[in-house]
Amino acid sequence: MFRLTKDGLKAKSEAQLRDLFQRATREIASNPRLSATFSNASTALLMIRDELARRGISPQ
């Protein structure tokens, strides 16, 4: 579901990043820990969180 790059995240608006953050959080919550979807969503969440932090925005 998530195929994000750091450069791709830099081009996203704050609203888009928050939406991606929520989507990744839902994917993590609804999939087993050892699944590929869980792993991909976890990696995406970390990248999104890093980009929000770089911009000085707190994820909600």
Protein backbone atom coordinates (compact mmCIF):
# COMPACT_ATOMS: atom_id res chain seq x y z
CA MET A 1 0.00 0.00 0.00
CA PHE A 2 2.73 2.44 0.88
CA ARG A 3 5.51 3.19 -1.56
CA LEU A 4 6.97 6.38 -0.21
CA THR A 5 10.33 8.04 -0.60
CA LYS A 6 11.86 10.78 1.50
CA ASP A 7 11.85 13.11 -1.50
CA GLY A 8 8.23 12.24 -2.23
CA LEU A 9 7.26 13.09 1.33
CA LYS A 10 9.03 16.45 1.13
CA ALA A 11 6.72 17.41 -1.75
CA LYS A 12 3.55 16.59 0.21
CA SER A 13 1.48 19.20 2.04
CA GLU A 14 0.91 19.07 5.78
CA ALA A 15 -2.64 17.81 5.22
CA GLN A 16 -1.40 15.04 2.92
CA LEU A 17 1.22 13.98 5.46
CA ARG A 18 -1.37 13.89 8.25
CA ASP A 19 -3.66 11.80 6.06
CA LEU A 20 -0.85 9.37 5.24
CA PHE A 21 0.02 9.19 8.94
CA GLN A 22 -3.57 8.22 9.81
CA ARG A 23 -3.74 5.67 6.98
CA ALA A 24 -0.48 4.05 8.09
CA THR A 25 -1.68 3.95 11.69
CA ARG A 26 -4.90 2.19 10.62
CA GLU A 27 -2.93 -0.33 8.53
CA ILE A 28 -0.71 -1.13 11.50
CA ALA A 29 -3.71 -1.60 13.78
CA SER A 30 -5.58 -3.87 11.39
CA ASN A 31 -2.81 -6.26 10.32
CA PRO A 32 -0.86 -9.00 12.10
CA ARG A 33 2.59 -7.96 13.32
CA LEU A 34 4.45 -10.43 11.12
CA SER A 35 2.69 -9.49 7.89
CA ALA A 36 4.31 -7.61 5.02
CA THR A 37 1.55 -4.98 5.20
CA PHE A 38 2.35 -4.31 8.87
CA SER A 39 6.05 -4.01 8.06
CA ASN A 40 5.47 -1.64 5.12
CA ALA A 41 3.06 0.52 7.11
CA SER A 42 5.50 0.68 10.04
CA THR A 43 8.30 1.85 7.78
CA ALA A 44 6.01 4.40 6.13
CA LEU A 45 4.88 5.67 9.54
CA LEU A 46 8.47 6.26 10.61
CA MET A 47 9.26 8.14 7.41
CA ILE A 48 6.12 10.28 7.71
CA ARG A 49 6.83 10.98 11.39
CA ASP A 50 10.40 12.03 10.50
CA GLU A 51 9.14 14.41 7.79
CA LEU A 52 6.56 15.95 10.13
CA ALA A 53 9.24 16.39 12.80
CA ARG A 54 11.59 17.98 10.26
CA ARG A 55 8.87 20.53 9.58
CA GLY A 56 8.23 21.08 13.28
CA ILE A 57 4.74 19.56 13.13
CA SER A 58 3.42 17.18 15.74
CA PRO A 59 1.46 14.22 14.33
CA GLN A 60 -2.01 13.92 15.81
